[in-house]
Amino acid sequence: MDDYDHDKVDEFVLALLYLTLHDSYRAWKGFDWDVLDRLYQKGWIDNPRNKAKSVVFTEEGLSRSANLFQQYFSKQDEKPR
């Protein structure tokens, strides 16, 4: 299945990684390797191909992840922080 909007999937995965944020900049890597590789190529996470069970956000990736999480998953009546 390759007929989908990869950029949109990447944004949603980046937003969902924010749910598992720990140690200020790490997130559990429980997503498809192709998506994680694309996030790495876009500069949003460090190389996910290692033995760690989590990925490290880049500064840009962490900021983008937080913003996308707010954009996609905040309740409509809540004001952004």
N, C-alpha and C. Protein backbone atom coordinates (compact mmCIF):
# COMPACT_ATOMS: atom_id res chain seq x y z
N MET A 1 0.86 -1.17 0.00
CA MET A 1 0.00 0.00 0.00
C MET A 1 0.90 1.23 0.00
N ASP A 2 1.04 1.83 -1.14
CA ASP A 2 1.93 2.98 -1.26
C ASP A 2 1.19 4.20 -1.80
N ASP A 3 -0.12 4.07 -1.94
CA ASP A 3 -0.91 5.16 -2.53
C ASP A 3 -1.59 6.00 -1.45
N TYR A 4 -0.79 6.57 -0.59
CA TYR A 4 -1.32 7.45 0.45
C TYR A 4 -0.38 8.65 0.60
N ASP A 5 -0.84 9.64 1.29
CA ASP A 5 -0.09 10.87 1.47
C ASP A 5 0.95 10.68 2.58
N HIS A 6 2.18 10.40 2.20
CA HIS A 6 3.25 10.13 3.16
C HIS A 6 3.48 11.32 4.09
N ASP A 7 3.41 12.53 3.57
CA ASP A 7 3.64 13.72 4.40
C ASP A 7 2.59 13.84 5.50
N LYS A 8 1.35 13.53 5.17
CA LYS A 8 0.28 13.60 6.16
C LYS A 8 0.48 12.53 7.23
N VAL A 9 0.85 11.32 6.82
CA VAL A 9 1.12 10.25 7.79
C VAL A 9 2.30 10.65 8.68
N ASP A 10 3.34 11.22 8.08
CA ASP A 10 4.50 11.65 8.85
C ASP A 10 4.10 12.67 9.92
N GLU A 11 3.26 13.61 9.56
CA GLU A 11 2.80 14.61 10.53
C GLU A 11 2.03 13.98 11.68
N PHE A 12 1.14 13.03 11.35
CA PHE A 12 0.36 12.39 12.41
C PHE A 12 1.26 11.57 13.32
N VAL A 13 2.20 10.83 12.76
CA VAL A 13 3.12 10.04 13.58
C VAL A 13 3.96 10.96 14.46
N LEU A 14 4.45 12.04 13.90
CA LEU A 14 5.23 12.99 14.69
C LEU A 14 4.39 13.53 15.84
N ALA A 15 3.13 13.85 15.57
CA ALA A 15 2.23 14.32 16.62
C ALA A 15 2.00 13.24 17.67
N LEU A 16 1.82 12.00 17.25
CA LEU A 16 1.60 10.91 18.20
C LEU A 16 2.84 10.58 19.01
N LEU A 17 4.02 10.78 18.45
CA LEU A 17 5.24 10.57 19.21
C LEU A 17 5.26 11.48 20.45
N TYR A 18 4.62 12.62 20.34
CA TYR A 18 4.57 13.55 21.47
C TYR A 18 3.86 12.93 22.67
N LEU A 19 2.94 12.01 22.43
CA LEU A 19 2.24 11.33 23.52
C LEU A 19 3.18 10.53 24.41
N THR A 20 4.26 10.04 23.84
CA THR A 20 5.18 9.18 24.59
C THR A 20 6.46 9.93 24.98
N LEU A 21 6.41 11.24 24.96
CA LEU A 21 7.56 12.06 25.30
C LEU A 21 8.02 11.75 26.73
N HIS A 22 9.32 11.54 26.88
CA HIS A 22 9.93 11.34 28.20
C HIS A 22 11.35 11.87 28.16
N ASP A 23 11.91 12.13 29.30
CA ASP A 23 13.27 12.68 29.41
C ASP A 23 13.44 13.94 28.56
N SER A 24 12.39 14.70 28.42
CA SER A 24 12.37 16.01 27.75
C SER A 24 12.50 15.99 26.23
N TYR A 25 13.06 14.94 25.65
CA TYR A 25 13.29 14.96 24.21
C TYR A 25 13.27 13.57 23.55
N ARG A 26 12.86 12.55 24.28
CA ARG A 26 12.82 11.19 23.74
C ARG A 26 11.37 10.73 23.64
N ALA A 27 11.11 9.83 22.68
CA ALA A 27 9.78 9.25 22.51
C ALA A 27 9.92 7.78 22.14
N TRP A 28 9.00 6.96 22.59
CA TRP A 28 9.04 5.53 22.27
C TRP A 28 8.82 5.34 20.79
N LYS A 29 9.61 4.46 20.18
CA LYS A 29 9.54 4.27 18.74
C LYS A 29 8.75 3.02 18.37
N GLY A 30 7.46 3.11 18.43
CA GLY A 30 6.59 1.99 18.12
C GLY A 30 5.89 2.14 16.79
N PHE A 31 6.51 2.82 15.85
CA PHE A 31 5.87 3.08 14.56
C PHE A 31 6.64 2.42 13.43
N ASP A 32 6.02 2.40 12.29
CA ASP A 32 6.59 1.82 11.07
C ASP A 32 7.97 2.39 10.78
N TRP A 33 8.91 1.51 10.42
CA TRP A 33 10.29 1.95 10.15
C TRP A 33 10.39 2.92 8.99
N ASP A 34 9.58 2.73 7.95
CA ASP A 34 9.62 3.64 6.81
C ASP A 34 9.25 5.06 7.24
N VAL A 35 8.24 5.17 8.10
CA VAL A 35 7.83 6.49 8.60
C VAL A 35 8.94 7.09 9.45
N LEU A 36 9.50 6.30 10.37
CA LEU A 36 10.58 6.82 11.21
C LEU A 36 11.78 7.24 10.37
N ASP A 37 12.08 6.49 9.32
CA ASP A 37 13.17 6.88 8.43
C ASP A 37 12.88 8.20 7.74
N ARG A 38 11.63 8.42 7.32
CA ARG A 38 11.28 9.70 6.68
C ARG A 38 11.39 10.85 7.68
N LEU A 39 10.96 10.62 8.93
CA LEU A 39 11.08 11.66 9.95
C LEU A 39 12.55 12.00 10.18
N TYR A 40 13.40 11.00 10.14
CA TYR A 40 14.84 11.22 10.27
C TYR A 40 15.37 12.02 9.08
N GLN A 41 14.96 11.65 7.87
CA GLN A 41 15.40 12.36 6.67
C GLN A 41 14.94 13.82 6.67
N LYS A 42 13.79 14.08 7.28
CA LYS A 42 13.28 15.45 7.35
C LYS A 42 13.94 16.25 8.47
N GLY A 43 14.77 15.59 9.29
CA GLY A 43 15.49 16.28 10.35
C GLY A 43 14.69 16.45 11.63
N TRP A 44 13.63 15.69 11.82
CA TRP A 44 12.78 15.85 13.00
C TRP A 44 13.16 14.92 14.14
N ILE A 45 13.85 13.81 13.83
CA ILE A 45 14.36 12.91 14.86
C ILE A 45 15.77 12.49 14.47
N ASP A 46 16.52 12.04 15.47
CA ASP A 46 17.83 11.47 15.18
C ASP A 46 17.63 10.08 14.59
N ASN A 47 18.69 9.50 14.08
CA ASN A 47 18.62 8.20 13.42
C ASN A 47 17.94 7.16 14.32
N PRO A 48 16.81 6.59 13.88
CA PRO A 48 16.09 5.63 14.70
C PRO A 48 16.69 4.23 14.66
N ARG A 49 17.62 3.98 13.77
CA ARG A 49 18.18 2.63 13.60
C ARG A 49 19.27 2.37 14.62
N ASN A 50 18.84 2.08 15.84
CA ASN A 50 19.76 1.74 16.92
C ASN A 50 19.03 0.81 17.88
N LYS A 51 19.72 0.37 18.92
CA LYS A 51 19.13 -0.60 19.85
C LYS A 51 18.22 0.03 20.90
N ALA A 52 18.23 1.35 20.99
CA ALA A 52 17.38 2.03 21.96
C ALA A 52 15.91 1.83 21.60
N LYS A 53 15.07 1.82 22.62
CA LYS A 53 13.64 1.64 22.38
C LYS A 53 12.92 2.97 22.17
N SER A 54 13.71 4.03 22.12
CA SER A 54 13.12 5.34 21.89
C SER A 54 13.95 6.11 20.87
N VAL A 55 13.33 7.15 20.33
CA VAL A 55 14.01 8.03 19.38
C VAL A 55 14.24 9.37 20.06
N VAL A 56 15.20 10.11 19.55
CA VAL A 56 15.51 11.42 20.10
C VAL A 56 15.02 12.47 19.12
N PHE A 57 14.19 13.38 19.62
CA PHE A 57 13.74 14.50 18.80
C PHE A 57 14.88 15.47 18.56
N THR A 58 14.91 16.06 17.38
CA THR A 58 15.76 17.23 17.19
C THR A 58 14.99 18.40 17.79
N GLU A 59 15.64 19.53 17.95
CA GLU A 59 14.96 20.71 18.50
C GLU A 59 13.76 21.09 17.63
N GLU A 60 13.98 21.09 16.31
CA GLU A 60 12.89 21.42 15.39
C GLU A 60 11.78 20.36 15.47
N GLY A 61 12.17 19.10 15.55
CA GLY A 61 11.19 18.02 15.60
C GLY A 61 10.33 18.07 16.85
N LEU A 62 10.93 18.38 17.99
CA LEU A 62 10.17 18.46 19.23
C LEU A 62 9.17 19.60 19.17
N SER A 63 9.60 20.74 18.68
CA SER A 63 8.70 21.88 18.55
C SER A 63 7.56 21.57 17.58
N ARG A 64 7.91 20.99 16.45
CA ARG A 64 6.90 20.63 15.45
C ARG A 64 5.94 19.58 16.00
N SER A 65 6.47 18.61 16.72
CA SER A 65 5.64 17.56 17.30
C SER A 65 4.61 18.15 18.27
N ALA A 66 5.06 19.04 19.14
CA ALA A 66 4.15 19.68 20.10
C ALA A 66 3.07 20.48 19.38
N ASN A 67 3.47 21.23 18.36
CA ASN A 67 2.50 22.04 17.61
C ASN A 67 1.50 21.16 16.86
N LEU A 68 1.97 20.10 16.24
CA LEU A 68 1.07 19.21 15.51
C LEU A 68 0.12 18.49 16.46
N PHE A 69 0.63 18.09 17.62
CA PHE A 69 -0.24 17.44 18.60
C PHE A 69 -1.37 18.39 18.99
N GLN A 70 -1.02 19.63 19.27
CA GLN A 70 -2.02 20.64 19.63
C GLN A 70 -3.01 20.85 18.48
N GLN A 71 -2.49 20.95 17.26
CA GLN A 71 -3.33 21.19 16.09
C GLN A 71 -4.32 20.05 15.86
N TYR A 72 -3.86 18.82 15.93
CA TYR A 72 -4.71 17.68 15.58
C TYR A 72 -5.56 17.17 16.74
N PHE A 73 -5.10 17.31 17.97
CA PHE A 73 -5.75 16.59 19.06
C PHE A 73 -6.29 17.45 20.19
N SER A 74 -6.11 18.77 20.13
CA SER A 74 -6.65 19.60 21.21
C SER A 74 -8.17 19.69 21.10
N LYS A 75 -8.79 19.87 22.22
CA LYS A 75 -10.24 20.08 22.22
C LYS A 75 -10.52 21.45 21.64
N GLN A 76 -11.59 21.59 20.92
CA GLN A 76 -11.90 22.83 20.22
C GLN A 76 -12.07 24.01 21.16
N ASP A 77 -12.58 23.77 22.37
CA ASP A 77 -12.86 24.87 23.28
C ASP A 77 -11.64 25.28 24.12
N GLU A 78 -10.52 24.55 23.97
CA GLU A 78 -9.31 24.92 24.70
C GLU A 78 -8.47 25.89 23.89
N LYS A 79 -7.87 26.83 24.57
CA LYS A 79 -7.00 27.79 23.89
C LYS A 79 -5.58 27.24 23.85
N PRO A 80 -4.84 27.48 22.76
CA PRO A 80 -3.46 27.01 22.71
C PRO A 80 -2.61 27.64 23.79
N ARG A 81 -1.62 26.89 24.26
CA ARG A 81 -0.71 27.39 25.31
C ARG A 81 0.33 28.28 24.73
